[in-house]
Amino acid sequence: MEITKLSSKGQVIIPKPVRTAHDWKIGQELVVIDMGDGILLRPRTPFETTNIGDVASCLKYSGKAKSLDEMEDAIREGISEKHDGSD
């Protein structure tokens, strides 16, 4: 167990073994999550977490829903067109 102190400026030094174990380098941004009886530090991801509803809602498709088979066929067709056109 590592022990650290809170400075007068509210800063905490994360012990080197912990930084090394998580591969946290200088400038690493951390998300602070209040857990009630303590905090959890997580590395900030480059993008905010999203769900499929957030992503799919930006597509603006208003036609009949496509089946998985139809989508796979369209992908195959697009790949075929790309390879046929590159010769």
PDB file of N, CA and C in Angstrom:
ATOM      1  N   MET A   1       0.854  -1.176   0.000  1.00  0.00           N
ATOM      2  CA  MET A   1       0.000   0.000   0.000  1.00  0.00           C
ATOM      3  C   MET A   1       0.895   1.232   0.000  1.00  0.00           C
ATOM      4  N   GLU A   2       0.553   2.179  -0.875  1.00  0.00           N
ATOM      5  CA  GLU A   2       1.278   3.440  -0.980  1.00  0.00           C
ATOM      6  C   GLU A   2       0.516   4.522  -0.218  1.00  0.00           C
ATOM      7  N   ILE A   3       1.226   5.469   0.369  1.00  0.00           N
ATOM      8  CA  ILE A   3       0.595   6.575   1.089  1.00  0.00           C
ATOM      9  C   ILE A   3       1.095   7.885   0.492  1.00  0.00           C
ATOM     10  N   THR A   4       0.205   8.847   0.334  1.00  0.00           N
ATOM     11  CA  THR A   4       0.540  10.158  -0.198  1.00  0.00           C
ATOM     12  C   THR A   4      -0.191  11.205   0.627  1.00  0.00           C
ATOM     13  N   LYS A   5       0.131  12.480   0.413  1.00  0.00           N
ATOM     14  CA  LYS A   5      -0.502  13.570   1.163  1.00  0.00           C
ATOM     15  C   LYS A   5      -1.157  14.548   0.208  1.00  0.00           C
ATOM     16  N   LEU A   6      -2.187  15.212   0.701  1.00  0.00           N
ATOM     17  CA  LEU A   6      -2.847  16.277  -0.038  1.00  0.00           C
ATOM     18  C   LEU A   6      -2.108  17.578   0.275  1.00  0.00           C
ATOM     19  N   SER A   7      -1.678  18.311  -0.757  1.00  0.00           N
ATOM     20  CA  SER A   7      -0.956  19.566  -0.540  1.00  0.00           C
ATOM     21  C   SER A   7      -1.923  20.701  -0.243  1.00  0.00           C
ATOM     22  N   SER A   8      -1.380  21.844   0.148  1.00  0.00           N
ATOM     23  CA  SER A   8      -2.219  23.013   0.433  1.00  0.00           C
ATOM     24  C   SER A   8      -2.934  23.505  -0.819  1.00  0.00           C
ATOM     25  N   LYS A   9      -2.474  23.112  -1.989  1.00  0.00           N
ATOM     26  CA  LYS A   9      -3.109  23.494  -3.251  1.00  0.00           C
ATOM     27  C   LYS A   9      -4.050  22.402  -3.766  1.00  0.00           C
ATOM     28  N   GLY A  10      -4.286  21.373  -2.960  1.00  0.00           N
ATOM     29  CA  GLY A  10      -5.189  20.297  -3.369  1.00  0.00           C
ATOM     30  C   GLY A  10      -4.549  19.282  -4.291  1.00  0.00           C
ATOM     31  N   GLN A  11      -3.241  19.277  -4.368  1.00  0.00           N
ATOM     32  CA  GLN A  11      -2.547  18.351  -5.259  1.00  0.00           C
ATOM     33  C   GLN A  11      -2.158  17.075  -4.510  1.00  0.00           C
ATOM     34  N   VAL A  12      -2.182  15.965  -5.228  1.00  0.00           N
ATOM     35  CA  VAL A  12      -1.794  14.667  -4.685  1.00  0.00           C
ATOM     36  C   VAL A  12      -0.738  14.087  -5.609  1.00  0.00           C
ATOM     37  N   ILE A  13       0.314  13.564  -5.029  1.00  0.00           N
ATOM     38  CA  ILE A  13       1.333  12.883  -5.833  1.00  0.00           C
ATOM     39  C   ILE A  13       0.958  11.416  -5.901  1.00  0.00           C
ATOM     40  N   ILE A  14       0.823  10.916  -7.120  1.00  0.00           N
ATOM     41  CA  ILE A  14       0.542   9.493  -7.305  1.00  0.00           C
ATOM     42  C   ILE A  14       1.889   8.777  -7.253  1.00  0.00           C
ATOM     43  N   PRO A  15       2.055   7.850  -6.341  1.00  0.00           N
ATOM     44  CA  PRO A  15       3.347   7.178  -6.194  1.00  0.00           C
ATOM     45  C   PRO A  15       3.833   6.549  -7.502  1.00  0.00           C
ATOM     46  N   LYS A  16       5.144   6.591  -7.682  1.00  0.00           N
ATOM     47  CA  LYS A  16       5.752   6.108  -8.924  1.00  0.00           C
ATOM     48  C   LYS A  16       5.369   4.661  -9.262  1.00  0.00           C
ATOM     49  N   PRO A  17       5.346   3.722  -8.314  1.00  0.00           N
ATOM     50  CA  PRO A  17       4.956   2.355  -8.690  1.00  0.00           C
ATOM     51  C   PRO A  17       3.547   2.283  -9.290  1.00  0.00           C
ATOM     52  N   VAL A  18       2.638   3.121  -8.807  1.00  0.00           N
ATOM     53  CA  VAL A  18       1.276   3.137  -9.343  1.00  0.00           C
ATOM     54  C   VAL A  18       1.279   3.735 -10.746  1.00  0.00           C
ATOM     55  N   ARG A  19       2.003   4.844 -10.935  1.00  0.00           N
ATOM     56  CA  ARG A  19       2.089   5.463 -12.275  1.00  0.00           C
ATOM     57  C   ARG A  19       2.708   4.496 -13.275  1.00  0.00           C
ATOM     58  N   THR A  20       3.740   3.804 -12.842  1.00  0.00           N
ATOM     59  CA  THR A  20       4.422   2.849 -13.721  1.00  0.00           C
ATOM     60  C   THR A  20       3.503   1.677 -14.068  1.00  0.00           C
ATOM     61  N   ALA A  21       2.791   1.161 -13.076  1.00  0.00           N
ATOM     62  CA  ALA A  21       1.897   0.022 -13.310  1.00  0.00           C
ATOM     63  C   ALA A  21       0.808   0.361 -14.317  1.00  0.00           C
ATOM     64  N   HIS A  22       0.368   1.624 -14.341  1.00  0.00           N
ATOM     65  CA  HIS A  22      -0.693   2.047 -15.261  1.00  0.00           C
ATOM     66  C   HIS A  22      -0.150   2.732 -16.508  1.00  0.00           C
ATOM     67  N   ASP A  23       1.167   2.837 -16.602  1.00  0.00           N
ATOM     68  CA  ASP A  23       1.837   3.493 -17.739  1.00  0.00           C
ATOM     69  C   ASP A  23       1.365   4.939 -17.909  1.00  0.00           C
ATOM     70  N   TRP A  24       1.189   5.654 -16.783  1.00  0.00           N
ATOM     71  CA  TRP A  24       0.798   7.060 -16.808  1.00  0.00           C
ATOM     72  C   TRP A  24       2.045   7.917 -16.890  1.00  0.00           C
ATOM     73  N   LYS A  25       2.109   8.752 -17.899  1.00  0.00           N
ATOM     74  CA  LYS A  25       3.250   9.634 -18.148  1.00  0.00           C
ATOM     75  C   LYS A  25       2.903  11.064 -17.737  1.00  0.00           C
ATOM     76  N   ILE A  26       3.896  11.926 -17.749  1.00  0.00           N
ATOM     77  CA  ILE A  26       3.680  13.344 -17.446  1.00  0.00           C
ATOM     78  C   ILE A  26       2.619  13.896 -18.388  1.00  0.00           C
ATOM     79  N   GLY A  27       1.658  14.624 -17.826  1.00  0.00           N
ATOM     80  CA  GLY A  27       0.604  15.222 -18.633  1.00  0.00           C
ATOM     81  C   GLY A  27      -0.622  14.331 -18.814  1.00  0.00           C
ATOM     82  N   GLN A  28      -0.564  13.113 -18.288  1.00  0.00           N
ATOM     83  CA  GLN A  28      -1.719  12.204 -18.401  1.00  0.00           C
ATOM     84  C   GLN A  28      -2.942  12.870 -17.785  1.00  0.00           C
ATOM     85  N   GLU A  29      -4.026  12.952 -18.537  1.00  0.00           N
ATOM     86  CA  GLU A  29      -5.271  13.495 -18.008  1.00  0.00           C
ATOM     87  C   GLU A  29      -6.037  12.364 -17.344  1.00  0.00           C
ATOM     88  N   LEU A  30      -6.548  12.649 -16.139  1.00  0.00           N
ATOM     89  CA  LEU A  30      -7.277  11.658 -15.371  1.00  0.00           C
ATOM     90  C   LEU A  30      -8.681  12.158 -15.092  1.00  0.00           C
ATOM     91  N   VAL A  31      -9.636  11.271 -15.151  1.00  0.00           N
ATOM     92  CA  VAL A  31     -11.011  11.578 -14.793  1.00  0.00           C
ATOM     93  C   VAL A  31     -11.155  11.222 -13.314  1.00  0.00           C
ATOM     94  N   VAL A  32     -11.703  12.153 -12.522  1.00  0.00           N
ATOM     95  CA  VAL A  32     -11.900  11.929 -11.091  1.00  0.00           C
ATOM     96  C   VAL A  32     -13.371  11.578 -10.865  1.00  0.00           C
ATOM     97  N   ILE A  33     -13.618  10.404 -10.301  1.00  0.00           N
ATOM     98  CA  ILE A  33     -14.971   9.937 -10.055  1.00  0.00           C
ATOM     99  C   ILE A  33     -15.165   9.819  -8.544  1.00  0.00           C
ATOM    100  N   ASP A  34     -16.161  10.540  -8.031  1.00  0.00           N
ATOM    101  CA  ASP A  34     -16.471  10.506  -6.606  1.00  0.00           C
ATOM    102  C   ASP A  34     -17.219   9.217  -6.294  1.00  0.00           C
ATOM    103  N   MET A  35     -16.644   8.386  -5.445  1.00  0.00           N
ATOM    104  CA  MET A  35     -17.245   7.094  -5.099  1.00  0.00           C
ATOM    105  C   MET A  35     -17.946   7.134  -3.738  1.00  0.00           C
ATOM    106  N   GLY A  36     -18.103   8.305  -3.164  1.00  0.00           N
ATOM    107  CA  GLY A  36     -18.756   8.417  -1.861  1.00  0.00           C
ATOM    108  C   GLY A  36     -17.751   8.336  -0.729  1.00  0.00           C
ATOM    109  N   ASP A  37     -17.086   7.196  -0.575  1.00  0.00           N
ATOM    110  CA  ASP A  37     -16.111   7.046   0.498  1.00  0.00           C
ATOM    111  C   ASP A  37     -14.677   7.225   0.002  1.00  0.00           C
ATOM    112  N   GLY A  38     -14.528   7.658  -1.236  1.00  0.00           N
ATOM    113  CA  GLY A  38     -13.210   7.881  -1.820  1.00  0.00           C
ATOM    114  C   GLY A  38     -13.363   8.327  -3.259  1.00  0.00           C
ATOM    115  N   ILE A  39     -12.258   8.337  -3.990  1.00  0.00           N
ATOM    116  CA  ILE A  39     -12.307   8.711  -5.403  1.00  0.00           C
ATOM    117  C   ILE A  39     -11.684   7.613  -6.240  1.00  0.00           C
ATOM    118  N   LEU A  40     -12.051   7.601  -7.499  1.00  0.00           N
ATOM    119  CA  LEU A  40     -11.483   6.683  -8.474  1.00  0.00           C
ATOM    120  C   LEU A  40     -10.854   7.542  -9.554  1.00  0.00           C
ATOM    121  N   LEU A  41      -9.617   7.263  -9.898  1.00  0.00           N
ATOM    122  CA  LEU A  41      -8.934   7.972 -10.983  1.00  0.00           C
ATOM    123  C   LEU A  41      -8.859   7.040 -12.186  1.00  0.00           C
ATOM    124  N   ARG A  42      -9.308   7.546 -13.325  1.00  0.00           N
ATOM    125  CA  ARG A  42      -9.232   6.779 -14.573  1.00  0.00           C
ATOM    126  C   ARG A  42      -8.578   7.650 -15.625  1.00  0.00           C
ATOM    127  N   PRO A  43      -7.800   7.044 -16.520  1.00  0.00           N
ATOM    128  CA  PRO A  43      -7.237   7.841 -17.610  1.00  0.00           C
ATOM    129  C   PRO A  43      -8.352   8.356 -18.506  1.00  0.00           C
ATOM    130  N   ARG A  44      -8.220   9.586 -18.926  1.00  0.00           N
ATOM    131  CA  ARG A  44      -9.220  10.173 -19.826  1.00  0.00           C
ATOM    132  C   ARG A  44      -9.045   9.550 -21.203  1.00  0.00           C
ATOM    133  N   THR A  45     -10.158   9.126 -21.790  1.00  0.00           N
ATOM    134  CA  THR A  45     -10.097   8.567 -23.135  1.00  0.00           C
ATOM    135  C   THR A  45     -10.143   9.713 -24.139  1.00  0.00           C
ATOM    136  N   PRO A  46      -9.587   9.525 -25.336  1.00  0.00           N
ATOM    137  CA  PRO A  46      -9.573  10.625 -26.303  1.00  0.00           C
ATOM    138  C   PRO A  46     -10.962  11.026 -26.784  1.00  0.00           C
ATOM    139  N   PHE A  47     -11.923  10.128 -26.655  1.00  0.00           N
ATOM    140  CA  PHE A  47     -13.281  10.426 -27.083  1.00  0.00           C
ATOM    141  C   PHE A  47     -14.226  10.120 -25.936  1.00  0.00           C
ATOM    142  N   GLU A  48     -15.293  10.878 -25.832  1.00  0.00           N
ATOM    143  CA  GLU A  48     -16.300  10.584 -24.822  1.00  0.00           C
ATOM    144  C   GLU A  48     -16.980   9.264 -25.144  1.00  0.00           C
ATOM    145  N   THR A  49     -17.386   8.550 -24.118  1.00  0.00           N
ATOM    146  CA  THR A  49     -18.109   7.298 -24.307  1.00  0.00           C
ATOM    147  C   THR A  49     -19.463   7.585 -24.945  1.00  0.00           C
ATOM    148  N   THR A  50     -19.796   6.814 -25.970  1.00  0.00           N
ATOM    149  CA  THR A  50     -21.082   6.978 -26.653  1.00  0.00           C
ATOM    150  C   THR A  50     -21.793   5.642 -26.689  1.00  0.00           C
ATOM    151  N   ASN A  51     -23.036   5.681 -27.084  1.00  0.00           N
ATOM    152  CA  ASN A  51     -23.768   4.435 -27.288  1.00  0.00           C
ATOM    153  C   ASN A  51     -24.271   4.424 -28.725  1.00  0.00           C
ATOM    154  N   ILE A  52     -24.784   3.303 -29.165  1.00  0.00           N
ATOM    155  CA  ILE A  52     -25.204   3.158 -30.560  1.00  0.00           C
ATOM    156  C   ILE A  52     -26.294   4.157 -30.928  1.00  0.00           C
ATOM    157  N   GLY A  53     -27.167   4.495 -29.982  1.00  0.00           N
ATOM    158  CA  GLY A  53     -28.223   5.475 -30.250  1.00  0.00           C
ATOM    159  C   GLY A  53     -27.653   6.843 -30.571  1.00  0.00           C
ATOM    160  N   ASP A  54     -26.599   7.241 -29.856  1.00  0.00           N
ATOM    161  CA  ASP A  54     -25.953   8.529 -30.120  1.00  0.00           C
ATOM    162  C   ASP A  54     -25.336   8.559 -31.515  1.00  0.00           C
ATOM    163  N   VAL A  55     -24.691   7.465 -31.879  1.00  0.00           N
ATOM    164  CA  VAL A  55     -23.990   7.414 -33.162  1.00  0.00           C
ATOM    165  C   VAL A  55     -24.970   7.243 -34.319  1.00  0.00           C
ATOM    166  N   ALA A  56     -25.876   6.298 -34.213  1.00  0.00           N
ATOM    167  CA  ALA A  56     -26.805   6.005 -35.304  1.00  0.00           C
ATOM    168  C   ALA A  56     -27.778   7.149 -35.548  1.00  0.00           C
ATOM    169  N   SER A  57     -28.083   7.926 -34.523  1.00  0.00           N
ATOM    170  CA  SER A  57     -29.054   9.001 -34.700  1.00  0.00           C
ATOM    171  C   SER A  57     -28.531  10.105 -35.628  1.00  0.00           C
ATOM    172  N   CYS A  58     -27.230  10.159 -35.837  1.00  0.00           N
ATOM    173  CA  CYS A  58     -26.687  11.198 -36.720  1.00  0.00           C
ATOM    174  C   CYS A  58     -26.727  10.779 -38.188  1.00  0.00           C
ATOM    175  N   LEU A  59     -27.133   9.562 -38.501  1.00  0.00           N
ATOM    176  CA  LEU A  59     -27.113   9.072 -39.877  1.00  0.00           C
ATOM    177  C   LEU A  59     -28.257   9.596 -40.728  1.00  0.00           C
ATOM    178  N   LYS A  60     -29.362   9.967 -40.143  1.00  0.00           N
ATOM    179  CA  LYS A  60     -30.502  10.591 -40.829  1.00  0.00           C
ATOM    180  C   LYS A  60     -31.122   9.711 -41.904  1.00  0.00           C
ATOM    181  N   TYR A  61     -31.061   8.400 -41.769  1.00  0.00           N
ATOM    182  CA  TYR A  61     -31.697   7.499 -42.730  1.00  0.00           C
ATOM    183  C   TYR A  61     -33.156   7.346 -42.347  1.00  0.00           C
ATOM    184  N   SER A  62     -34.062   7.596 -43.287  1.00  0.00           N
ATOM    185  CA  SER A  62     -35.482   7.533 -42.951  1.00  0.00           C
ATOM    186  C   SER A  62     -36.229   6.452 -43.731  1.00  0.00           C
ATOM    187  N   GLY A  63     -35.526   5.640 -44.494  1.00  0.00           N
ATOM    188  CA  GLY A  63     -36.178   4.587 -45.274  1.00  0.00           C
ATOM    189  C   GLY A  63     -36.438   3.346 -44.446  1.00  0.00           C
ATOM    190  N   LYS A  64     -36.847   2.280 -45.136  1.00  0.00           N
ATOM    191  CA  LYS A  64     -37.113   1.000 -44.484  1.00  0.00           C
ATOM    192  C   LYS A  64     -35.792   0.462 -43.922  1.00  0.00           C
ATOM    193  N   ALA A  65     -35.853  -0.110 -42.733  1.00  0.00           N
ATOM    194  CA  ALA A  65     -34.648  -0.665 -42.107  1.00  0.00           C
ATOM    195  C   ALA A  65     -34.078  -1.779 -42.981  1.00  0.00           C
ATOM    196  N   LYS A  66     -32.763  -1.808 -43.110  1.00  0.00           N
ATOM    197  CA  LYS A  66     -32.091  -2.842 -43.905  1.00  0.00           C
ATOM    198  C   LYS A  66     -31.781  -4.041 -43.025  1.00  0.00           C
ATOM    199  N   SER A  67     -31.826  -5.213 -43.617  1.00  0.00           N
ATOM    200  CA  SER A  67     -31.471  -6.428 -42.877  1.00  0.00           C
ATOM    201  C   SER A  67     -29.950  -6.554 -42.863  1.00  0.00           C
ATOM    202  N   LEU A  68     -29.463  -7.398 -41.989  1.00  0.00           N
ATOM    203  CA  LEU A  68     -28.034  -7.638 -41.919  1.00  0.00           C
ATOM    204  C   LEU A  68     -27.520  -8.197 -43.247  1.00  0.00           C
ATOM    205  N   ASP A  69     -28.291  -9.076 -43.878  1.00  0.00           N
ATOM    206  CA  ASP A  69     -27.894  -9.637 -45.179  1.00  0.00           C
ATOM    207  C   ASP A  69     -27.787  -8.538 -46.235  1.00  0.00           C
ATOM    208  N   GLU A  70     -28.749  -7.605 -46.233  1.00  0.00           N
ATOM    209  CA  GLU A  70     -28.708  -6.498 -47.207  1.00  0.00           C
ATOM    210  C   GLU A  70     -27.480  -5.616 -46.980  1.00  0.00           C
ATOM    211  N   MET A  71     -27.157  -5.368 -45.714  1.00  0.00           N
ATOM    212  CA  MET A  71     -25.972  -4.548 -45.419  1.00  0.00           C
ATOM    213  C   MET A  71     -24.691  -5.253 -45.856  1.00  0.00           C
ATOM    214  N   GLU A  72     -24.603  -6.560 -45.582  1.00  0.00           N
ATOM    215  CA  GLU A  72     -23.421  -7.321 -45.992  1.00  0.00           C
ATOM    216  C   GLU A  72     -23.289  -7.360 -47.510  1.00  0.00           C
ATOM    217  N   ASP A  73     -24.412  -7.507 -48.221  1.00  0.00           N
ATOM    218  CA  ASP A  73     -24.390  -7.482 -49.688  1.00  0.00           C
ATOM    219  C   ASP A  73     -23.883  -6.141 -50.199  1.00  0.00           C
ATOM    220  N   ALA A  74     -24.335  -5.048 -49.599  1.00  0.00           N
ATOM    221  CA  ALA A  74     -23.903  -3.713 -50.016  1.00  0.00           C
ATOM    222  C   ALA A  74     -22.407  -3.528 -49.769  1.00  0.00           C
ATOM    223  N   ILE A  75     -21.907  -4.055 -48.655  1.00  0.00           N
ATOM    224  CA  ILE A  75     -20.469  -3.961 -48.374  1.00  0.00           C
ATOM    225  C   ILE A  75     -19.679  -4.747 -49.412  1.00  0.00           C
ATOM    226  N   ARG A  76     -20.139  -5.987 -49.709  1.00  0.00           N
ATOM    227  CA  ARG A  76     -19.454  -6.798 -50.729  1.00  0.00           C
ATOM    228  C   ARG A  76     -19.445  -6.087 -52.079  1.00  0.00           C
ATOM    229  N   GLU A  77     -20.575  -5.493 -52.424  1.00  0.00           N
ATOM    230  CA  GLU A  77     -20.672  -4.784 -53.705  1.00  0.00           C
ATOM    231  C   GLU A  77     -19.706  -3.600 -53.737  1.00  0.00           C
ATOM    232  N   GLY A  78     -19.630  -2.857 -52.642  1.00  0.00           N
ATOM    233  CA  GLY A  78     -18.722  -1.714 -52.587  1.00  0.00           C
ATOM    234  C   GLY A  78     -17.271  -2.136 -52.702  1.00  0.00           C
ATOM    235  N   ILE A  79     -16.914  -3.242 -52.048  1.00  0.00           N
ATOM    236  CA  ILE A  79     -15.546  -3.752 -52.134  1.00  0.00           C
ATOM    237  C   ILE A  79     -15.247  -4.207 -53.550  1.00  0.00           C
ATOM    238  N   SER A  80     -16.195  -4.908 -54.148  1.00  0.00           N
ATOM    239  CA  SER A  80     -16.024  -5.394 -55.519  1.00  0.00           C
ATOM    240  C   SER A  80     -15.824  -4.235 -56.490  1.00  0.00           C
ATOM    241  N   GLU A  81     -16.634  -3.195 -56.347  1.00  0.00           N
ATOM    242  CA  GLU A  81     -16.529  -2.014 -57.218  1.00  0.00           C
ATOM    243  C   GLU A  81     -15.169  -1.343 -57.035  1.00  0.00           C
ATOM    244  N   LYS A  82     -14.701  -1.266 -55.807  1.00  0.00           N
ATOM    245  CA  LYS A  82     -13.417  -0.619 -55.533  1.00  0.00           C
ATOM    246  C   LYS A  82     -12.281  -1.379 -56.205  1.00  0.00           C
ATOM    247  N   HIS A  83     -12.309  -2.733 -56.071  1.00  0.00           N
ATOM    248  CA  HIS A  83     -11.237  -3.535 -56.655  1.00  0.00           C
ATOM    249  C   HIS A  83     -11.335  -3.589 -58.184  1.00  0.00           C
ATOM    250  N   ASP A  84     -12.549  -3.628 -58.743  1.00  0.00           N
ATOM    251  CA  ASP A  84     -12.726  -3.642 -60.192  1.00  0.00           C
ATOM    252  C   ASP A  84     -12.292  -2.317 -60.806  1.00  0.00           C
ATOM    253  N   GLY A  85     -12.517  -1.228 -60.100  1.00  0.00           N
ATOM    254  CA  GLY A  85     -12.180   0.095 -60.616  1.00  0.00           C
ATOM    255  C   GLY A  85     -10.730   0.474 -60.471  1.00  0.00           C
ATOM    256  N   SER A  86      -9.956  -0.293 -59.674  1.00  0.00           N
ATOM    257  CA  SER A  86      -8.550   0.080 -59.432  1.00  0.00           C
ATOM    258  C   SER A  86      -7.587  -0.577 -60.401  1.00  0.00           C
ATOM    259  N   ASP A  87      -8.074  -1.451 -61.271  1.00  0.00           N
ATOM    260  CA  ASP A  87      -7.175  -2.154 -62.233  1.00  0.00           C
ATOM    261  C   ASP A  87      -6.654  -1.245 -63.290  1.00  0.00           C
TER     262      ASP A  87
END
